[in-house]
Amino acid sequence: MSKKINAALTDLIKALSKHGEVMGSSPVSAKQAARATAKVRAAAIAYGAAVETRSGQPSLFADLADPSLNEDTIASLTAERDSLEAMIAGYKKTNSDADSATPAPTAE
């Protein structure tokens, strides 16, 4: 395991452990809960980025919504992403159809 991934994983585990402690306490302090949740989120994003940088695979936490974005913005961004994916899929299909419809050159 790379050093950066290992360090990010260690931070994520620590953040999750602290989050579990805070959420398991009675009564749960809203301030401590928010702080622990933010640390888990930051650690998860850092871990995902380290894995993505090292492996080239998309972050496994890419679907985590940014809490600073409101629902309308998230819906708009999701619709835009879906539209782009459909456009790319259509482009690939059109190009593969065109390639197969074009007759192969004949030797003369």
PDB file of N, CA and C in Angstrom:
ATOM      1  N   MET A   1       0.859  -1.174   0.000  1.00  0.00           N
ATOM      2  CA  MET A   1       0.000   0.000   0.000  1.00  0.00           C
ATOM      3  C   MET A   1       0.901   1.232   0.000  1.00  0.00           C
ATOM      4  N   SER A   2       0.513   2.251  -0.778  1.00  0.00           N
ATOM      5  CA  SER A   2       1.337   3.457  -0.832  1.00  0.00           C
ATOM      6  C   SER A   2       1.259   4.203   0.500  1.00  0.00           C
ATOM      7  N   LYS A   3       2.276   5.005   0.762  1.00  0.00           N
ATOM      8  CA  LYS A   3       2.336   5.746   2.020  1.00  0.00           C
ATOM      9  C   LYS A   3       1.183   6.744   2.138  1.00  0.00           C
ATOM     10  N   LYS A   4       0.844   7.403   1.014  1.00  0.00           N
ATOM     11  CA  LYS A   4      -0.235   8.387   1.057  1.00  0.00           C
ATOM     12  C   LYS A   4      -1.590   7.725   1.308  1.00  0.00           C
ATOM     13  N   ILE A   5      -1.822   6.585   0.666  1.00  0.00           N
ATOM     14  CA  ILE A   5      -3.083   5.877   0.890  1.00  0.00           C
ATOM     15  C   ILE A   5      -3.142   5.383   2.333  1.00  0.00           C
ATOM     16  N   ASN A   6      -2.042   4.831   2.826  1.00  0.00           N
ATOM     17  CA  ASN A   6      -2.002   4.327   4.197  1.00  0.00           C
ATOM     18  C   ASN A   6      -2.244   5.447   5.207  1.00  0.00           C
ATOM     19  N   ALA A   7      -1.630   6.602   4.981  1.00  0.00           N
ATOM     20  CA  ALA A   7      -1.822   7.737   5.889  1.00  0.00           C
ATOM     21  C   ALA A   7      -3.269   8.228   5.848  1.00  0.00           C
ATOM     22  N   ALA A   8      -3.843   8.306   4.655  1.00  0.00           N
ATOM     23  CA  ALA A   8      -5.235   8.747   4.522  1.00  0.00           C
ATOM     24  C   ALA A   8      -6.188   7.741   5.165  1.00  0.00           C
ATOM     25  N   LEU A   9      -5.888   6.457   5.010  1.00  0.00           N
ATOM     26  CA  LEU A   9      -6.708   5.416   5.622  1.00  0.00           C
ATOM     27  C   LEU A   9      -6.646   5.510   7.142  1.00  0.00           C
ATOM     28  N   THR A  10      -5.466   5.722   7.676  1.00  0.00           N
ATOM     29  CA  THR A  10      -5.301   5.866   9.125  1.00  0.00           C
ATOM     30  C   THR A  10      -6.118   7.047   9.647  1.00  0.00           C
ATOM     31  N   ASP A  11      -6.060   8.179   8.922  1.00  0.00           N
ATOM     32  CA  ASP A  11      -6.838   9.357   9.317  1.00  0.00           C
ATOM     33  C   ASP A  11      -8.339   9.067   9.267  1.00  0.00           C
ATOM     34  N   LEU A  12      -8.770   8.343   8.243  1.00  0.00           N
ATOM     35  CA  LEU A  12     -10.192   8.002   8.104  1.00  0.00           C
ATOM     36  C   LEU A  12     -10.649   7.100   9.253  1.00  0.00           C
ATOM     37  N   ILE A  13      -9.832   6.123   9.590  1.00  0.00           N
ATOM     38  CA  ILE A  13     -10.177   5.216  10.697  1.00  0.00           C
ATOM     39  C   ILE A  13     -10.273   5.982  12.014  1.00  0.00           C
ATOM     40  N   LYS A  14      -9.310   6.884  12.249  1.00  0.00           N
ATOM     41  CA  LYS A  14      -9.350   7.696  13.472  1.00  0.00           C
ATOM     42  C   LYS A  14     -10.598   8.569  13.515  1.00  0.00           C
ATOM     43  N   ALA A  15     -10.919   9.186  12.370  1.00  0.00           N
ATOM     44  CA  ALA A  15     -12.100  10.059  12.318  1.00  0.00           C
ATOM     45  C   ALA A  15     -13.374   9.264  12.558  1.00  0.00           C
ATOM     46  N   LEU A  16     -13.451   8.071  11.982  1.00  0.00           N
ATOM     47  CA  LEU A  16     -14.633   7.228  12.196  1.00  0.00           C
ATOM     48  C   LEU A  16     -14.737   6.768  13.648  1.00  0.00           C
ATOM     49  N   SER A  17     -13.612   6.426  14.247  1.00  0.00           N
ATOM     50  CA  SER A  17     -13.625   6.007  15.660  1.00  0.00           C
ATOM     51  C   SER A  17     -14.107   7.135  16.556  1.00  0.00           C
ATOM     52  N   LYS A  18     -13.587   8.342  16.325  1.00  0.00           N
ATOM     53  CA  LYS A  18     -13.996   9.508  17.113  1.00  0.00           C
ATOM     54  C   LYS A  18     -15.486   9.790  16.893  1.00  0.00           C
ATOM     55  N   HIS A  19     -15.931   9.671  15.641  1.00  0.00           N
ATOM     56  CA  HIS A  19     -17.336   9.895  15.326  1.00  0.00           C
ATOM     57  C   HIS A  19     -18.215   8.910  16.097  1.00  0.00           C
ATOM     58  N   GLY A  20     -17.790   7.655  16.127  1.00  0.00           N
ATOM     59  CA  GLY A  20     -18.539   6.641  16.872  1.00  0.00           C
ATOM     60  C   GLY A  20     -18.608   6.948  18.350  1.00  0.00           C
ATOM     61  N   GLU A  21     -17.495   7.431  18.925  1.00  0.00           N
ATOM     62  CA  GLU A  21     -17.476   7.804  20.340  1.00  0.00           C
ATOM     63  C   GLU A  21     -18.452   8.940  20.619  1.00  0.00           C
ATOM     64  N   VAL A  22     -18.396   9.963  19.768  1.00  0.00           N
ATOM     65  CA  VAL A  22     -19.253  11.138  19.966  1.00  0.00           C
ATOM     66  C   VAL A  22     -20.724  10.758  19.833  1.00  0.00           C
ATOM     67  N   MET A  23     -21.046  10.003  18.801  1.00  0.00           N
ATOM     68  CA  MET A  23     -22.442   9.645  18.552  1.00  0.00           C
ATOM     69  C   MET A  23     -22.968   8.641  19.576  1.00  0.00           C
ATOM     70  N   GLY A  24     -22.070   7.898  20.194  1.00  0.00           N
ATOM     71  CA  GLY A  24     -22.475   6.923  21.200  1.00  0.00           C
ATOM     72  C   GLY A  24     -22.592   7.501  22.595  1.00  0.00           C
ATOM     73  N   SER A  25     -22.156   8.753  22.770  1.00  0.00           N
ATOM     74  CA  SER A  25     -22.234   9.360  24.097  1.00  0.00           C
ATOM     75  C   SER A  25     -23.668   9.800  24.392  1.00  0.00           C
ATOM     76  N   SER A  26     -23.918  10.017  25.639  1.00  0.00           N
ATOM     77  CA  SER A  26     -25.258  10.440  26.032  1.00  0.00           C
ATOM     78  C   SER A  26     -25.128  11.615  26.983  1.00  0.00           C
ATOM     79  N   PRO A  27     -25.665  12.726  26.724  1.00  0.00           N
ATOM     80  CA  PRO A  27     -26.347  13.160  25.505  1.00  0.00           C
ATOM     81  C   PRO A  27     -25.320  13.521  24.418  1.00  0.00           C
ATOM     82  N   VAL A  28     -25.762  13.501  23.193  1.00  0.00           N
ATOM     83  CA  VAL A  28     -24.887  13.822  22.065  1.00  0.00           C
ATOM     84  C   VAL A  28     -24.833  15.337  21.907  1.00  0.00           C
ATOM     85  N   SER A  29     -23.617  15.870  21.971  1.00  0.00           N
ATOM     86  CA  SER A  29     -23.428  17.306  21.786  1.00  0.00           C
ATOM     87  C   SER A  29     -23.521  17.629  20.295  1.00  0.00           C
ATOM     88  N   ALA A  30     -24.396  18.555  19.932  1.00  0.00           N
ATOM     89  CA  ALA A  30     -24.577  18.926  18.523  1.00  0.00           C
ATOM     90  C   ALA A  30     -23.276  19.482  17.940  1.00  0.00           C
ATOM     91  N   LYS A  31     -22.569  20.260  18.722  1.00  0.00           N
ATOM     92  CA  LYS A  31     -21.320  20.866  18.260  1.00  0.00           C
ATOM     93  C   LYS A  31     -20.261  19.787  18.009  1.00  0.00           C
ATOM     94  N   GLN A  32     -20.119  18.849  18.945  1.00  0.00           N
ATOM     95  CA  GLN A  32     -19.149  17.772  18.780  1.00  0.00           C
ATOM     96  C   GLN A  32     -19.549  16.849  17.636  1.00  0.00           C
ATOM     97  N   ALA A  33     -20.835  16.595  17.486  1.00  0.00           N
ATOM     98  CA  ALA A  33     -21.320  15.736  16.404  1.00  0.00           C
ATOM     99  C   ALA A  33     -21.015  16.362  15.051  1.00  0.00           C
ATOM    100  N   ALA A  34     -21.263  17.664  14.924  1.00  0.00           N
ATOM    101  CA  ALA A  34     -20.990  18.355  13.663  1.00  0.00           C
ATOM    102  C   ALA A  34     -19.499  18.339  13.350  1.00  0.00           C
ATOM    103  N   ARG A  35     -18.677  18.564  14.360  1.00  0.00           N
ATOM    104  CA  ARG A  35     -17.229  18.566  14.162  1.00  0.00           C
ATOM    105  C   ARG A  35     -16.739  17.175  13.764  1.00  0.00           C
ATOM    106  N   ALA A  36     -17.217  16.137  14.436  1.00  0.00           N
ATOM    107  CA  ALA A  36     -16.800  14.769  14.139  1.00  0.00           C
ATOM    108  C   ALA A  36     -17.265  14.358  12.738  1.00  0.00           C
ATOM    109  N   THR A  37     -18.471  14.761  12.364  1.00  0.00           N
ATOM    110  CA  THR A  37     -18.995  14.450  11.037  1.00  0.00           C
ATOM    111  C   THR A  37     -18.170  15.139   9.955  1.00  0.00           C
ATOM    112  N   ALA A  38     -17.807  16.392  10.181  1.00  0.00           N
ATOM    113  CA  ALA A  38     -16.979  17.129   9.213  1.00  0.00           C
ATOM    114  C   ALA A  38     -15.611  16.472   9.050  1.00  0.00           C
ATOM    115  N   LYS A  39     -15.056  15.978  10.150  1.00  0.00           N
ATOM    116  CA  LYS A  39     -13.745  15.320  10.067  1.00  0.00           C
ATOM    117  C   LYS A  39     -13.836  14.003   9.304  1.00  0.00           C
ATOM    118  N   VAL A  40     -14.924  13.257   9.503  1.00  0.00           N
ATOM    119  CA  VAL A  40     -15.111  12.009   8.739  1.00  0.00           C
ATOM    120  C   VAL A  40     -15.237  12.332   7.256  1.00  0.00           C
ATOM    121  N   ARG A  41     -16.035  13.335   6.937  1.00  0.00           N
ATOM    122  CA  ARG A  41     -16.232  13.733   5.541  1.00  0.00           C
ATOM    123  C   ARG A  41     -14.895  14.141   4.904  1.00  0.00           C
ATOM    124  N   ALA A  42     -14.134  14.963   5.590  1.00  0.00           N
ATOM    125  CA  ALA A  42     -12.844  15.419   5.058  1.00  0.00           C
ATOM    126  C   ALA A  42     -11.874  14.248   4.893  1.00  0.00           C
ATOM    127  N   ALA A  43     -11.852  13.360   5.868  1.00  0.00           N
ATOM    128  CA  ALA A  43     -10.956  12.201   5.794  1.00  0.00           C
ATOM    129  C   ALA A  43     -11.374  11.258   4.671  1.00  0.00           C
ATOM    130  N   ALA A  44     -12.671  11.075   4.468  1.00  0.00           N
ATOM    131  CA  ALA A  44     -13.161  10.213   3.392  1.00  0.00           C
ATOM    132  C   ALA A  44     -12.794  10.794   2.032  1.00  0.00           C
ATOM    133  N   ILE A  45     -12.948  12.104   1.888  1.00  0.00           N
ATOM    134  CA  ILE A  45     -12.598  12.763   0.627  1.00  0.00           C
ATOM    135  C   ILE A  45     -11.095  12.655   0.372  1.00  0.00           C
ATOM    136  N   ALA A  46     -10.287  12.847   1.411  1.00  0.00           N
ATOM    137  CA  ALA A  46      -8.831  12.743   1.259  1.00  0.00           C
ATOM    138  C   ALA A  46      -8.420  11.320   0.888  1.00  0.00           C
ATOM    139  N   TYR A  47      -9.047  10.338   1.515  1.00  0.00           N
ATOM    140  CA  TYR A  47      -8.742   8.940   1.197  1.00  0.00           C
ATOM    141  C   TYR A  47      -9.129   8.630  -0.250  1.00  0.00           C
ATOM    142  N   GLY A  48     -10.320   9.039  -0.642  1.00  0.00           N
ATOM    143  CA  GLY A  48     -10.774   8.814  -2.015  1.00  0.00           C
ATOM    144  C   GLY A  48      -9.848   9.469  -3.026  1.00  0.00           C
ATOM    145  N   ALA A  49      -9.389  10.680  -2.717  1.00  0.00           N
ATOM    146  CA  ALA A  49      -8.472  11.379  -3.619  1.00  0.00           C
ATOM    147  C   ALA A  49      -7.127  10.659  -3.717  1.00  0.00           C
ATOM    148  N   ALA A  50      -6.635  10.159  -2.583  1.00  0.00           N
ATOM    149  CA  ALA A  50      -5.356   9.433  -2.597  1.00  0.00           C
ATOM    150  C   ALA A  50      -5.462   8.159  -3.424  1.00  0.00           C
ATOM    151  N   VAL A  51      -6.562   7.441  -3.260  1.00  0.00           N
ATOM    152  CA  VAL A  51      -6.780   6.212  -4.028  1.00  0.00           C
ATOM    153  C   VAL A  51      -6.920   6.535  -5.517  1.00  0.00           C
ATOM    154  N   GLU A  52      -7.684   7.585  -5.825  1.00  0.00           N
ATOM    155  CA  GLU A  52      -7.895   7.968  -7.225  1.00  0.00           C
ATOM    156  C   GLU A  52      -6.582   8.388  -7.885  1.00  0.00           C
ATOM    157  N   THR A  53      -5.770   9.147  -7.171  1.00  0.00           N
ATOM    158  CA  THR A  53      -4.487   9.587  -7.711  1.00  0.00           C
ATOM    159  C   THR A  53      -3.568   8.408  -7.971  1.00  0.00           C
ATOM    160  N   ARG A  54      -3.535   7.480  -7.047  1.00  0.00           N
ATOM    161  CA  ARG A  54      -2.627   6.329  -7.153  1.00  0.00           C
ATOM    162  C   ARG A  54      -3.096   5.312  -8.193  1.00  0.00           C
ATOM    163  N   SER A  55      -4.407   5.022  -8.210  1.00  0.00           N
ATOM    164  CA  SER A  55      -4.913   3.930  -9.038  1.00  0.00           C
ATOM    165  C   SER A  55      -5.528   4.382 -10.352  1.00  0.00           C
ATOM    166  N   GLY A  56      -5.940   5.653 -10.421  1.00  0.00           N
ATOM    167  CA  GLY A  56      -6.643   6.120 -11.604  1.00  0.00           C
ATOM    168  C   GLY A  56      -8.117   5.764 -11.599  1.00  0.00           C
ATOM    169  N   GLN A  57      -8.551   5.046 -10.572  1.00  0.00           N
ATOM    170  CA  GLN A  57      -9.956   4.672 -10.445  1.00  0.00           C
ATOM    171  C   GLN A  57     -10.718   5.827  -9.800  1.00  0.00           C
ATOM    172  N   PRO A  58     -11.980   6.022 -10.189  1.00  0.00           N
ATOM    173  CA  PRO A  58     -12.750   7.118  -9.578  1.00  0.00           C
ATOM    174  C   PRO A  58     -12.898   6.919  -8.075  1.00  0.00           C
ATOM    175  N   SER A  59     -13.007   8.029  -7.374  1.00  0.00           N
ATOM    176  CA  SER A  59     -13.145   7.982  -5.924  1.00  0.00           C
ATOM    177  C   SER A  59     -14.403   7.236  -5.521  1.00  0.00           C
ATOM    178  N   LEU A  60     -14.273   6.363  -4.547  1.00  0.00           N
ATOM    179  CA  LEU A  60     -15.433   5.631  -4.073  1.00  0.00           C
ATOM    180  C   LEU A  60     -16.359   6.509  -3.263  1.00  0.00           C
ATOM    181  N   PHE A  61     -15.933   7.729  -2.946  1.00  0.00           N
ATOM    182  CA  PHE A  61     -16.769   8.666  -2.207  1.00  0.00           C
ATOM    183  C   PHE A  61     -17.263   9.796  -3.100  1.00  0.00           C
ATOM    184  N   ALA A  62     -17.194   9.627  -4.404  1.00  0.00           N
ATOM    185  CA  ALA A  62     -17.597  10.685  -5.336  1.00  0.00           C
ATOM    186  C   ALA A  62     -19.073  11.039  -5.199  1.00  0.00           C
ATOM    187  N   ASP A  63     -19.886  10.115  -4.736  1.00  0.00           N
ATOM    188  CA  ASP A  63     -21.321  10.365  -4.622  1.00  0.00           C
ATOM    189  C   ASP A  63     -21.702  11.105  -3.338  1.00  0.00           C
ATOM    190  N   LEU A  64     -20.745  11.361  -2.472  1.00  0.00           N
ATOM    191  CA  LEU A  64     -21.056  12.104  -1.255  1.00  0.00           C
ATOM    192  C   LEU A  64     -21.397  13.538  -1.632  1.00  0.00           C
ATOM    193  N   ALA A  65     -22.538  13.984  -1.215  1.00  0.00           N
ATOM    194  CA  ALA A  65     -22.958  15.346  -1.515  1.00  0.00           C
ATOM    195  C   ALA A  65     -22.202  16.335  -0.643  1.00  0.00           C
ATOM    196  N   ASP A  66     -21.865  17.465  -1.210  1.00  0.00           N
ATOM    197  CA  ASP A  66     -21.232  18.539  -0.462  1.00  0.00           C
ATOM    198  C   ASP A  66     -22.316  19.214   0.377  1.00  0.00           C
ATOM    199  N   PRO A  67     -22.150  19.254   1.701  1.00  0.00           N
ATOM    200  CA  PRO A  67     -23.209  19.816   2.546  1.00  0.00           C
ATOM    201  C   PRO A  67     -23.439  21.302   2.302  1.00  0.00           C
ATOM    202  N   SER A  68     -22.495  21.975   1.652  1.00  0.00           N
ATOM    203  CA  SER A  68     -22.683  23.399   1.399  1.00  0.00           C
ATOM    204  C   SER A  68     -23.573  23.644   0.185  1.00  0.00           C
ATOM    205  N   LEU A  69     -23.889  22.592  -0.580  1.00  0.00           N
ATOM    206  CA  LEU A  69     -24.760  22.736  -1.744  1.00  0.00           C
ATOM    207  C   LEU A  69     -26.207  22.462  -1.339  1.00  0.00           C
ATOM    208  N   ASN A  70     -27.116  23.302  -1.832  1.00  0.00           N
ATOM    209  CA  ASN A  70     -28.523  23.064  -1.518  1.00  0.00           C
ATOM    210  C   ASN A  70     -29.095  22.017  -2.471  1.00  0.00           C
ATOM    211  N   GLU A  71     -30.287  21.541  -2.183  1.00  0.00           N
ATOM    212  CA  GLU A  71     -30.891  20.451  -2.960  1.00  0.00           C
ATOM    213  C   GLU A  71     -31.111  20.820  -4.420  1.00  0.00           C
ATOM    214  N   ASP A  72     -31.486  22.075  -4.694  1.00  0.00           N
ATOM    215  CA  ASP A  72     -31.700  22.507  -6.076  1.00  0.00           C
ATOM    216  C   ASP A  72     -30.402  22.441  -6.885  1.00  0.00           C
ATOM    217  N   THR A  73     -29.306  22.857  -6.269  1.00  0.00           N
ATOM    218  CA  THR A  73     -28.010  22.819  -6.953  1.00  0.00           C
ATOM    219  C   THR A  73     -27.593  21.381  -7.219  1.00  0.00           C
ATOM    220  N   ILE A  74     -27.772  20.520  -6.233  1.00  0.00           N
ATOM    221  CA  ILE A  74     -27.423  19.108  -6.402  1.00  0.00           C
ATOM    222  C   ILE A  74     -28.259  18.484  -7.513  1.00  0.00           C
ATOM    223  N   ALA A  75     -29.561  18.781  -7.537  1.00  0.00           N
ATOM    224  CA  ALA A  75     -30.433  18.246  -8.581  1.00  0.00           C
ATOM    225  C   ALA A  75     -30.004  18.749  -9.954  1.00  0.00           C
ATOM    226  N   SER A  76     -29.648  20.016 -10.048  1.00  0.00           N
ATOM    227  CA  SER A  76     -29.215  20.599 -11.312  1.00  0.00           C
ATOM    228  C   SER A  76     -27.919  19.957 -11.790  1.00  0.00           C
ATOM    229  N   LEU A  77     -26.970  19.785 -10.897  1.00  0.00           N
ATOM    230  CA  LEU A  77     -25.690  19.165 -11.262  1.00  0.00           C
ATOM    231  C   LEU A  77     -25.884  17.704 -11.664  1.00  0.00           C
ATOM    232  N   THR A  78     -26.758  17.001 -10.973  1.00  0.00           N
ATOM    233  CA  THR A  78     -27.044  15.605 -11.306  1.00  0.00           C
ATOM    234  C   THR A  78     -27.668  15.501 -12.689  1.00  0.00           C
ATOM    235  N   ALA A  79     -28.622  16.383 -12.976  1.00  0.00           N
ATOM    236  CA  ALA A  79     -29.270  16.380 -14.297  1.00  0.00           C
ATOM    237  C   ALA A  79     -28.254  16.702 -15.395  1.00  0.00           C
ATOM    238  N   GLU A  80     -27.379  17.651 -15.129  1.00  0.00           N
ATOM    239  CA  GLU A  80     -26.351  18.013 -16.119  1.00  0.00           C
ATOM    240  C   GLU A  80     -25.410  16.835 -16.367  1.00  0.00           C
ATOM    241  N   ARG A  81     -24.996  16.156 -15.304  1.00  0.00           N
ATOM    242  CA  ARG A  81     -24.127  14.993 -15.454  1.00  0.00           C
ATOM    243  C   ARG A  81     -24.808  13.898 -16.268  1.00  0.00           C
ATOM    244  N   ASP A  82     -26.069  13.623 -15.942  1.00  0.00           N
ATOM    245  CA  ASP A  82     -26.809  12.593 -16.666  1.00  0.00           C
ATOM    246  C   ASP A  82     -26.967  12.949 -18.139  1.00  0.00           C
ATOM    247  N   SER A  83     -27.202  14.217 -18.419  1.00  0.00           N
ATOM    248  CA  SER A  83     -27.342  14.678 -19.799  1.00  0.00           C
ATOM    249  C   SER A  83     -26.030  14.496 -20.566  1.00  0.00           C
ATOM    250  N   LEU A  84     -24.925  14.847 -19.928  1.00  0.00           N
ATOM    251  CA  LEU A  84     -23.618  14.683 -20.570  1.00  0.00           C
ATOM    252  C   LEU A  84     -23.304  13.208 -20.818  1.00  0.00           C
ATOM    253  N   GLU A  85     -23.631  12.351 -19.865  1.00  0.00           N
ATOM    254  CA  GLU A  85     -23.394  10.917 -20.042  1.00  0.00           C
ATOM    255  C   GLU A  85     -24.212  10.380 -21.203  1.00  0.00           C
ATOM    256  N   ALA A  86     -25.471  10.828 -21.327  1.00  0.00           N
ATOM    257  CA  ALA A  86     -26.326  10.387 -22.436  1.00  0.00           C
ATOM    258  C   ALA A  86     -25.781  10.894 -23.769  1.00  0.00           C
ATOM    259  N   MET A  87     -25.297  12.133 -23.779  1.00  0.00           N
ATOM    260  CA  MET A  87     -24.745  12.705 -25.000  1.00  0.00           C
ATOM    261  C   MET A  87     -23.491  11.929 -25.433  1.00  0.00           C
ATOM    262  N   ILE A  88     -22.640  11.600 -24.490  1.00  0.00           N
ATOM    263  CA  ILE A  88     -21.415  10.845 -24.799  1.00  0.00           C
ATOM    264  C   ILE A  88     -21.767   9.454 -25.292  1.00  0.00           C
ATOM    265  N   ALA A  89     -22.732   8.808 -24.640  1.00  0.00           N
ATOM    266  CA  ALA A  89     -23.154   7.471 -25.067  1.00  0.00           C
ATOM    267  C   ALA A  89     -23.717   7.522 -26.478  1.00  0.00           C
ATOM    268  N   GLY A  90     -24.510   8.548 -26.788  1.00  0.00           N
ATOM    269  CA  GLY A  90     -25.060   8.704 -28.131  1.00  0.00           C
ATOM    270  C   GLY A  90     -23.980   8.956 -29.155  1.00  0.00           C
ATOM    271  N   TYR A  91     -22.993   9.746 -28.794  1.00  0.00           N
ATOM    272  CA  TYR A  91     -21.879  10.044 -29.693  1.00  0.00           C
ATOM    273  C   TYR A  91     -21.096   8.777 -30.004  1.00  0.00           C
ATOM    274  N   LYS A  92     -20.816   7.988 -28.976  1.00  0.00           N
ATOM    275  CA  LYS A  92     -20.077   6.739 -29.183  1.00  0.00           C
ATOM    276  C   LYS A  92     -20.867   5.784 -30.066  1.00  0.00           C
ATOM    277  N   LYS A  93     -22.191   5.688 -29.837  1.00  0.00           N
ATOM    278  CA  LYS A  93     -23.031   4.797 -30.637  1.00  0.00           C
ATOM    279  C   LYS A  93     -23.067   5.262 -32.081  1.00  0.00           C
ATOM    280  N   THR A  94     -23.224   6.557 -32.309  1.00  0.00           N
ATOM    281  CA  THR A  94     -23.264   7.105 -33.665  1.00  0.00           C
ATOM    282  C   THR A  94     -21.957   6.820 -34.394  1.00  0.00           C
ATOM    283  N   ASN A  95     -20.856   7.006 -33.724  1.00  0.00           N
ATOM    284  CA  ASN A  95     -19.556   6.768 -34.358  1.00  0.00           C
ATOM    285  C   ASN A  95     -19.328   5.294 -34.639  1.00  0.00           C
ATOM    286  N   SER A  96     -19.765   4.412 -33.740  1.00  0.00           N
ATOM    287  CA  SER A  96     -19.571   2.984 -34.001  1.00  0.00           C
ATOM    288  C   SER A  96     -20.488   2.527 -35.117  1.00  0.00           C
ATOM    289  N   ASP A  97     -21.704   3.095 -35.222  1.00  0.00           N
ATOM    290  CA  ASP A  97     -22.615   2.773 -36.320  1.00  0.00           C
ATOM    291  C   ASP A  97     -22.040   3.256 -37.644  1.00  0.00           C
ATOM    292  N   ALA A  98     -21.459   4.458 -37.641  1.00  0.00           N
ATOM    293  CA  ALA A  98     -20.881   5.009 -38.866  1.00  0.00           C
ATOM    294  C   ALA A  98     -19.689   4.173 -39.318  1.00  0.00           C
ATOM    295  N   ASP A  99     -18.901   3.702 -38.377  1.00  0.00           N
ATOM    296  CA  ASP A  99     -17.750   2.877 -38.729  1.00  0.00           C
ATOM    297  C   ASP A  99     -18.177   1.557 -39.352  1.00  0.00           C
ATOM    298  N   SER A 100     -19.248   0.966 -38.832  1.00  0.00           N
ATOM    299  CA  SER A 100     -19.688  -0.310 -39.352  1.00  0.00           C
ATOM    300  C   SER A 100     -20.456  -0.150 -40.659  1.00  0.00           C
ATOM    301  N   ALA A 101     -21.040   1.040 -40.905  1.00  0.00           N
ATOM    302  CA  ALA A 101     -21.805   1.271 -42.138  1.00  0.00           C
ATOM    303  C   ALA A 101     -20.911   1.654 -43.304  1.00  0.00           C
ATOM    304  N   THR A 102     -19.722   2.110 -43.023  1.00  0.00           N
ATOM    305  CA  THR A 102     -18.809   2.512 -44.089  1.00  0.00           C
ATOM    306  C   THR A 102     -18.192   1.263 -44.692  1.00  0.00           C
ATOM    307  N   PRO A 103     -18.353   1.094 -46.018  1.00  0.00           N
ATOM    308  CA  PRO A 103     -17.795  -0.114 -46.636  1.00  0.00           C
ATOM    309  C   PRO A 103     -16.268  -0.080 -46.588  1.00  0.00           C
ATOM    310  N   ALA A 104     -15.721  -1.247 -46.409  1.00  0.00           N
ATOM    311  CA  ALA A 104     -14.263  -1.363 -46.357  1.00  0.00           C
ATOM    312  C   ALA A 104     -13.717  -1.114 -47.761  1.00  0.00           C
ATOM    313  N   PRO A 105     -12.585  -0.434 -47.866  1.00  0.00           N
ATOM    314  CA  PRO A 105     -12.000  -0.186 -49.192  1.00  0.00           C
ATOM    315  C   PRO A 105     -11.601  -1.507 -49.851  1.00  0.00           C
ATOM    316  N   THR A 106     -11.783  -1.564 -51.135  1.00  0.00           N
ATOM    317  CA  THR A 106     -11.436  -2.769 -51.872  1.00  0.00           C
ATOM    318  C   THR A 106     -10.117  -2.577 -52.593  1.00  0.00           C
ATOM    319  N   ALA A 107      -9.371  -3.627 -52.698  1.00  0.00           N
ATOM    320  CA  ALA A 107      -8.079  -3.579 -53.396  1.00  0.00           C
ATOM    321  C   ALA A 107      -8.343  -3.663 -54.886  1.00  0.00           C
ATOM    322  N   GLU A 108      -7.721  -2.812 -55.664  1.00  0.00           N
ATOM    323  CA  GLU A 108      -7.922  -2.831 -57.122  1.00  0.00           C
ATOM    324  C   GLU A 108      -6.655  -3.205 -57.817  1.00  0.00           C
TER     325      GLU A 108
END
